[in-house]
Amino acid sequence: MTDDAINKRVDESWKEQAEREKRAVSSGESQASPRPAPETGGASRTAEGLPEARFDLFLQGLAMEALIGLGDAPHPVSRKQEVNLPHTKYLIDLLGILEEKTKGNRTVDEDRLLSEVLYQLRMRYLNKAGGVSRT
């Protein structure tokens, strides 16, 4: 899977939710009004309307949070792109722990997703933190 495909996959549901929130604010809906849950790429929903709890969605959520911390995606509330390297390092380390602790219990697709997400986030982090020289 390419870098663009990973970013798109991780990014899609967040963008759709942000767009719905933007429309709600512009139409004058109050913050207390119920909002639809983010789209999950065809995932089934619970009785409460929340997306099904799945490992791939969990990984994608952590990866999206890391992209926000890297300043590569805007924060969903402030809409600002701000770099927070300590938080991003924590999230990358957390994904690394998940990789280690779930070894042998993941599907082939989950293996691939986790290793690709970790690789991409680590490279982006090193680039932002100055650990990799650009040539």
Protein backbone atom coordinates (compact mmCIF):
# COMPACT_ATOMS: atom_id res chain seq x y z
CA MET A 1 0.00 0.00 0.00
CA THR A 2 1.38 3.41 -0.91
CA ASP A 3 1.83 6.34 1.44
CA ASP A 4 -1.05 8.17 -0.26
CA ALA A 5 -3.34 5.15 0.10
CA ILE A 6 -2.55 4.85 3.82
CA ASN A 7 -3.16 8.55 4.39
CA LYS A 8 -6.42 8.43 2.46
CA ARG A 9 -7.58 5.35 4.33
CA VAL A 10 -6.73 6.84 7.71
CA ASP A 11 -8.03 10.28 6.80
CA GLU A 12 -11.39 9.64 5.10
CA SER A 13 -13.74 9.15 8.07
CA TRP A 14 -12.23 12.08 9.95
CA LYS A 15 -12.70 14.40 6.95
CA GLU A 16 -16.32 13.31 6.50
CA GLN A 17 -17.06 13.94 10.20
CA ALA A 18 -15.39 17.35 10.06
CA GLU A 19 -17.48 18.27 7.01
CA ARG A 20 -20.72 17.22 8.76
CA GLU A 21 -19.76 19.30 11.81
CA LYS A 22 -18.97 22.27 9.60
CA ARG A 23 -22.37 22.03 7.91
CA ALA A 24 -24.09 21.69 11.31
CA VAL A 25 -22.41 24.84 12.62
CA SER A 26 -23.22 26.83 9.50
CA SER A 27 -26.88 25.71 9.60
CA GLY A 28 -27.18 26.83 13.24
CA GLU A 29 -27.50 23.44 14.95
CA SER A 30 -26.54 23.52 18.60
CA GLN A 31 -23.62 21.58 20.01
CA ALA A 32 -26.07 19.55 22.11
CA SER A 33 -27.82 18.10 19.06
CA PRO A 34 -26.90 14.51 18.28
CA ARG A 35 -24.38 14.01 15.52
CA PRO A 36 -24.03 11.04 13.25
CA ALA A 37 -21.08 8.80 14.01
CA PRO A 38 -18.14 9.01 11.59
CA GLU A 39 -18.25 6.78 8.57
CA THR A 40 -16.16 3.67 8.93
CA GLY A 41 -15.78 2.49 5.38
CA GLY A 42 -18.70 0.09 5.48
CA ALA A 43 -18.19 -1.13 9.05
CA SER A 44 -21.31 -2.26 10.85
CA ARG A 45 -22.64 -0.16 13.67
CA THR A 46 -23.64 -0.94 17.22
CA ALA A 47 -27.16 -0.40 18.57
CA GLU A 48 -25.98 3.01 19.80
CA GLY A 49 -25.02 4.00 16.25
CA LEU A 50 -21.29 3.83 16.93
CA PRO A 51 -18.93 2.08 14.53
CA GLU A 52 -18.09 -1.53 15.28
CA ALA A 53 -14.98 -1.88 17.46
CA ARG A 54 -12.27 -3.20 15.12
CA PHE A 55 -8.51 -3.37 15.41
CA ASP A 56 -7.93 -1.71 12.03
CA LEU A 57 -10.15 1.25 12.94
CA PHE A 58 -8.34 1.57 16.26
CA LEU A 59 -4.97 1.65 14.48
CA GLN A 60 -6.24 4.18 11.97
CA GLY A 61 -7.50 6.42 14.78
CA LEU A 62 -4.11 6.38 16.50
CA ALA A 63 -2.38 7.00 13.18
CA MET A 64 -4.66 9.96 12.44
CA GLU A 65 -3.92 11.41 15.87
CA ALA A 66 -0.20 11.03 15.15
CA LEU A 67 -0.60 12.81 11.79
CA ILE A 68 -2.31 15.66 13.62
CA GLY A 69 0.60 15.76 16.10
CA LEU A 70 3.06 15.90 13.22
CA GLY A 71 1.21 18.91 11.81
CA ASP A 72 0.36 16.93 8.66
CA ALA A 73 -3.38 17.19 9.33
CA PRO A 74 -5.42 19.93 10.99
CA HIS A 75 -6.70 19.41 14.53
CA PRO A 76 -10.40 18.49 14.32
CA VAL A 77 -11.47 21.14 16.84
CA SER A 78 -9.16 24.10 16.26
CA ARG A 79 -8.68 23.37 12.55
CA LYS A 80 -5.04 24.47 13.03
CA GLN A 81 -2.04 22.42 11.98
CA GLU A 82 0.30 22.41 14.96
CA VAL A 83 3.31 20.19 15.62
CA ASN A 84 3.43 18.29 18.93
CA LEU A 85 6.41 15.94 18.64
CA PRO A 86 6.36 14.57 22.22
CA HIS A 87 2.73 13.46 21.84
CA THR A 88 3.46 12.05 18.39
CA LYS A 89 6.41 10.06 19.76
CA TYR A 90 4.13 8.67 22.48
CA LEU A 91 1.58 7.54 19.88
CA ILE A 92 4.25 5.93 17.69
CA ASP A 93 5.67 4.15 20.74
CA LEU A 94 2.15 3.01 21.65
CA LEU A 95 1.66 1.57 18.16
CA GLY A 96 5.03 -0.17 18.53
CA ILE A 97 3.88 -1.75 21.80
CA LEU A 98 0.68 -2.89 20.09
CA GLU A 99 2.77 -4.42 17.31
CA GLU A 100 4.89 -6.32 19.83
CA LYS A 101 2.08 -7.44 22.14
CA THR A 102 -0.31 -8.56 19.37
CA LYS A 103 2.30 -10.48 17.36
CA GLY A 104 0.84 -13.79 16.21
CA ASN A 105 -2.73 -12.65 16.87
CA ARG A 106 -3.21 -10.33 13.87
CA THR A 107 -4.59 -11.11 10.44
CA VAL A 108 -2.38 -10.64 7.40
CA ASP A 109 -4.19 -7.39 6.59
CA GLU A 110 -3.78 -6.12 10.16
CA ASP A 111 -0.07 -7.04 10.04
CA ARG A 112 0.37 -5.11 6.81
CA LEU A 113 -1.60 -2.09 8.01
CA LEU A 114 0.26 -1.87 11.32
CA SER A 115 3.73 -2.27 9.80
CA GLU A 116 3.03 0.26 7.03
CA VAL A 117 1.48 2.80 9.38
CA LEU A 118 4.38 2.46 11.82
CA TYR A 119 6.97 2.79 9.07
CA GLN A 120 5.33 5.89 7.58
CA LEU A 121 4.82 7.57 10.96
CA ARG A 122 8.38 6.82 12.08
CA MET A 123 9.83 8.27 8.88
CA ARG A 124 7.65 11.37 9.12
CA TYR A 125 8.57 11.80 12.79
CA LEU A 126 12.30 11.52 12.08
CA ASN A 127 11.94 14.01 9.26
CA LYS A 128 10.13 16.53 11.49
CA ALA A 129 12.42 15.95 14.47
CA GLY A 130 15.50 16.45 12.33
CA GLY A 131 16.67 12.85 12.55
CA VAL A 132 16.79 12.37 8.79
CA SER A 133 18.63 14.64 6.41
CA ARG A 134 16.87 15.56 3.21
CA THR A 135 18.95 14.90 0.12
